[in-house]
C-alpha atoms as a PDB file:
ATOM      1  CA  UNK A   1     -28.007-135.702 -28.089  1.00  0.00           C
ATOM      2  CA  UNK A   2     -26.732-133.751 -30.878  1.00  0.00           C
ATOM      3  CA  UNK A   3     -29.317-131.225 -31.110  1.00  0.00           C
ATOM      4  CA  UNK A   4     -28.556-130.193 -27.263  1.00  0.00           C
ATOM      5  CA  UNK A   5     -24.866-130.361 -27.927  1.00  0.00           C
ATOM      6  CA  UNK A   6     -25.652-127.913 -30.895  1.00  0.00           C
ATOM      7  CA  UNK A   7     -27.871-125.555 -28.753  1.00  0.00           C
ATOM      8  CA  UNK A   8     -25.298-125.558 -25.826  1.00  0.00           C
ATOM      9  CA  UNK A   9     -22.101-124.598 -28.278  1.00  0.00           C
ATOM     10  CA  UNK A  10     -24.757-121.780 -29.310  1.00  0.00           C
ATOM     11  CA  UNK A  11     -24.778-120.758 -25.954  1.00  0.00           C
ATOM     12  CA  UNK A  12     -21.062-121.009 -25.159  1.00  0.00           C
ATOM     13  CA  UNK A  13     -20.313-118.782 -28.268  1.00  0.00           C
ATOM     14  CA  UNK A  14     -22.581-115.858 -26.305  1.00  0.00           C
ATOM     15  CA  UNK A  15     -20.870-115.992 -23.572  1.00  0.00           C
ATOM     16  CA  UNK A  16     -17.502-116.116 -25.053  1.00  0.00           C
ATOM     17  CA  UNK A  17     -16.244-114.683 -28.144  1.00  0.00           C
ATOM     18  CA  UNK A  18     -12.790-115.577 -27.877  1.00  0.00           C
ATOM     19  CA  UNK A  19     -13.566-119.207 -28.755  1.00  0.00           C
ATOM     20  CA  UNK A  20     -14.308-120.795 -31.983  1.00  0.00           C
ATOM     21  CA  UNK A  21     -16.938-122.364 -32.941  1.00  0.00           C
ATOM     22  CA  UNK A  22     -14.960-125.791 -32.895  1.00  0.00           C
ATOM     23  CA  UNK A  23     -13.490-125.020 -29.746  1.00  0.00           C
ATOM     24  CA  UNK A  24     -16.411-124.252 -28.107  1.00  0.00           C
ATOM     25  CA  UNK A  25     -17.939-127.650 -29.504  1.00  0.00           C
ATOM     26  CA  UNK A  26     -15.164-129.017 -28.404  1.00  0.00           C
ATOM     27  CA  UNK A  27     -15.560-127.768 -24.726  1.00  0.00           C
ATOM     28  CA  UNK A  28     -19.613-128.547 -24.738  1.00  0.00           C
ATOM     29  CA  UNK A  29     -18.776-132.028 -25.852  1.00  0.00           C
ATOM     30  CA  UNK A  30     -16.039-132.710 -23.172  1.00  0.00           C
ATOM     31  CA  UNK A  31     -18.033-131.596 -20.552  1.00  0.00           C
ATOM     32  CA  UNK A  32     -20.876-133.791 -21.434  1.00  0.00           C
ATOM     33  CA  UNK A  33     -18.402-136.769 -21.399  1.00  0.00           C
ATOM     34  CA  UNK A  34     -17.623-135.540 -18.093  1.00  0.00           C
ATOM     35  CA  UNK A  35     -20.926-135.611 -16.677  1.00  0.00           C
ATOM     36  CA  UNK A  36     -21.322-139.032 -17.934  1.00  0.00           C
ATOM     37  CA  UNK A  37     -18.564-140.583 -17.130  1.00  0.00           C
ATOM     38  CA  UNK A  38     -18.035-139.294 -13.709  1.00  0.00           C
ATOM     39  CA  UNK A  39     -21.616-140.559 -12.601  1.00  0.00           C
ATOM     40  CA  UNK A  40     -21.106-143.853 -14.244  1.00  0.00           C
ATOM     41  CA  UNK A  41     -17.763-143.998 -12.432  1.00  0.00           C
ATOM     42  CA  UNK A  42     -19.626-142.856  -9.239  1.00  0.00           C
ATOM     43  CA  UNK A  43     -21.986-146.195  -9.466  1.00  0.00           C
ATOM     44  CA  UNK A  44     -25.166-144.001 -10.479  1.00  0.00           C
ATOM     45  CA  UNK A  45     -27.984-145.010 -13.080  1.00  0.00           C
ATOM     46  CA  UNK A  46     -28.246-142.830 -15.872  1.00  0.00           C
ATOM     47  CA  UNK A  47     -30.516-140.447 -16.144  1.00  0.00           C
ATOM     48  CA  UNK A  48     -30.861-138.822 -19.376  1.00  0.00           C
ATOM     49  CA  UNK A  49     -29.182-136.150 -21.865  1.00  0.00           C
ATOM     50  CA  UNK A  50     -31.661-133.855 -19.683  1.00  0.00           C
ATOM     51  CA  UNK A  51     -29.241-134.384 -16.475  1.00  0.00           C
ATOM     52  CA  UNK A  52     -26.611-134.155 -18.974  1.00  0.00           C
ATOM     53  CA  UNK A  53     -27.376-131.095 -20.125  1.00  0.00           C
ATOM     54  CA  UNK A  54     -28.350-129.126 -17.095  1.00  0.00           C
ATOM     55  CA  UNK A  55     -25.179-129.455 -15.735  1.00  0.00           C
ATOM     56  CA  UNK A  56     -23.000-128.475 -19.321  1.00  0.00           C
ATOM     57  CA  UNK A  57     -25.764-125.648 -19.389  1.00  0.00           C
ATOM     58  CA  UNK A  58     -24.406-124.475 -15.746  1.00  0.00           C
ATOM     59  CA  UNK A  59     -20.827-124.732 -16.277  1.00  0.00           C
ATOM     60  CA  UNK A  60     -21.309-123.016 -19.576  1.00  0.00           C
ATOM     61  CA  UNK A  61     -23.445-120.039 -18.205  1.00  0.00           C
ATOM     62  CA  UNK A  62     -21.056-119.956 -14.976  1.00  0.00           C
ATOM     63  CA  UNK A  63     -17.459-120.759 -16.394  1.00  0.00           C
ATOM     64  CA  UNK A  64     -18.202-120.039 -20.176  1.00  0.00           C
ATOM     65  CA  UNK A  65     -16.663-116.173 -20.521  1.00  0.00           C
ATOM     66  CA  UNK A  66     -13.371-117.394 -18.959  1.00  0.00           C
ATOM     67  CA  UNK A  67     -12.990-120.467 -20.855  1.00  0.00           C
ATOM     68  CA  UNK A  68     -10.297-119.175 -23.234  1.00  0.00           C
ATOM     69  CA  UNK A  69      -8.151-118.193 -20.237  1.00  0.00           C
ATOM     70  CA  UNK A  70      -8.107-122.001 -19.459  1.00  0.00           C
ATOM     71  CA  UNK A  71      -4.685-123.669 -19.120  1.00  0.00           C
ATOM     72  CA  UNK A  72      -4.801-126.962 -19.272  1.00  0.00           C
ATOM     73  CA  UNK A  73      -3.006-129.726 -17.138  1.00  0.00           C
ATOM     74  CA  UNK A  74      -5.031-132.551 -18.618  1.00  0.00           C
ATOM     75  CA  UNK A  75      -3.717-134.070 -21.713  1.00  0.00           C
ATOM     76  CA  UNK A  76      -7.362-134.500 -22.465  1.00  0.00           C
ATOM     77  CA  UNK A  77      -7.825-130.480 -22.121  1.00  0.00           C
ATOM     78  CA  UNK A  78      -4.669-129.570 -24.026  1.00  0.00           C
ATOM     79  CA  UNK A  79      -6.752-129.032 -27.198  1.00  0.00           C
ATOM     80  CA  UNK A  80      -8.731-126.621 -25.882  1.00  0.00           C
ATOM     81  CA  UNK A  81      -5.913-123.932 -25.248  1.00  0.00           C
ATOM     82  CA  UNK A  82      -6.369-120.796 -27.118  1.00  0.00           C
ATOM     83  CA  UNK A  83      -3.339-121.839 -29.055  1.00  0.00           C
ATOM     84  CA  UNK A  84      -3.875-125.030 -30.299  1.00  0.00           C
ATOM     85  CA  UNK A  85      -5.124-125.511 -33.678  1.00  0.00           C
ATOM     86  CA  UNK A  86      -8.653-126.944 -34.214  1.00  0.00           C
ATOM     87  CA  UNK A  87     -10.577-127.611 -37.491  1.00  0.00           C
ATOM     88  CA  UNK A  88     -13.140-125.061 -37.575  1.00  0.00           C
END
Protein backbone atom coordinates (compact mmCIF):
# COMPACT_ATOMS: atom_id res chain seq x y z
CA UNK A 1 0.00 0.00 0.00
CA UNK A 2 2.84 2.41 0.80
CA UNK A 3 4.19 2.05 -2.73
CA UNK A 4 0.77 2.90 -4.14
CA UNK A 5 0.50 5.96 -1.91
CA UNK A 6 4.00 7.08 -2.92
CA UNK A 7 3.11 6.68 -6.60
CA UNK A 8 -0.14 8.62 -6.19
CA UNK A 9 1.74 11.33 -4.31
CA UNK A 10 4.09 11.70 -7.27
CA UNK A 11 1.11 11.88 -9.63
CA UNK A 12 -0.44 14.61 -7.48
CA UNK A 13 2.81 16.56 -7.38
CA UNK A 14 2.99 16.39 -11.17
CA UNK A 15 -0.56 17.79 -11.38
CA UNK A 16 -0.09 20.53 -8.78
CA UNK A 17 3.19 22.37 -8.28
CA UNK A 18 1.71 24.51 -5.49
CA UNK A 19 1.74 21.64 -2.97
CA UNK A 20 4.74 20.52 -0.96
CA UNK A 21 5.65 16.84 -0.96
CA UNK A 22 4.25 16.37 2.54
CA UNK A 23 1.01 18.18 1.66
CA UNK A 24 0.56 15.99 -1.41
CA UNK A 25 1.20 12.82 0.60
CA UNK A 26 -1.24 13.96 3.28
CA UNK A 27 -3.88 14.59 0.62
CA UNK A 28 -3.38 11.12 -0.85
CA UNK A 29 -3.45 9.46 2.56
CA UNK A 30 -6.65 11.29 3.54
CA UNK A 31 -8.36 10.42 0.28
CA UNK A 32 -7.30 6.78 0.64
CA UNK A 33 -8.61 6.66 4.20
CA UNK A 34 -11.90 8.22 3.11
CA UNK A 35 -12.43 5.65 0.36
CA UNK A 36 -11.92 2.80 2.80
CA UNK A 37 -13.97 4.29 5.63
CA UNK A 38 -16.93 5.24 3.43
CA UNK A 39 -17.09 1.70 2.04
CA UNK A 40 -16.88 0.24 5.54
CA UNK A 41 -19.62 2.53 6.89
CA UNK A 42 -21.80 1.51 3.95
CA UNK A 43 -21.32 -2.13 4.92
CA UNK A 44 -19.50 -3.04 1.73
CA UNK A 45 -16.80 -5.66 1.67
CA UNK A 46 -13.15 -4.72 1.34
CA UNK A 47 -12.11 -5.00 -2.28
CA UNK A 48 -8.42 -4.49 -1.77
CA UNK A 49 -6.00 -1.66 -2.36
CA UNK A 50 -6.62 -1.72 -6.13
CA UNK A 51 -10.09 -0.28 -5.62
CA UNK A 52 -8.88 2.45 -3.26
CA UNK A 53 -6.06 3.32 -5.65
CA UNK A 54 -8.49 3.57 -8.56
CA UNK A 55 -10.70 6.09 -6.73
CA UNK A 56 -7.81 8.15 -5.38
CA UNK A 57 -6.13 8.26 -8.80
CA UNK A 58 -9.40 9.48 -10.34
CA UNK A 59 -9.70 12.24 -7.72
CA UNK A 60 -6.05 13.24 -8.12
CA UNK A 61 -6.43 13.48 -11.89
CA UNK A 62 -9.68 15.41 -11.63
CA UNK A 63 -9.16 17.66 -8.61
CA UNK A 64 -5.39 17.58 -8.08
CA UNK A 65 -4.62 20.84 -9.91
CA UNK A 66 -6.99 22.71 -7.58
CA UNK A 67 -6.27 21.15 -4.17
CA UNK A 68 -4.00 24.02 -3.11
CA UNK A 69 -7.10 26.27 -3.21
CA UNK A 70 -9.09 24.05 -0.85
CA UNK A 71 -10.61 25.84 2.13
CA UNK A 72 -11.10 23.29 4.90
CA UNK A 73 -14.40 23.21 6.72
CA UNK A 74 -13.69 19.80 8.20
CA UNK A 75 -11.08 19.77 11.00
CA UNK A 76 -9.57 16.61 9.54
CA UNK A 77 -8.49 18.54 6.46
CA UNK A 78 -7.50 21.80 8.14
CA UNK A 79 -3.78 20.94 7.91
CA UNK A 80 -4.11 20.76 4.15
CA UNK A 81 -4.73 24.46 3.76
CA UNK A 82 -1.90 26.15 1.87
CA UNK A 83 -1.03 28.36 4.81
CA UNK A 84 -0.66 25.48 7.26
CA UNK A 85 2.76 24.21 8.18
CA UNK A 86 3.35 20.56 7.49
CA UNK A 87 6.59 18.68 7.92
CA UNK A 88 8.59 18.20 4.73
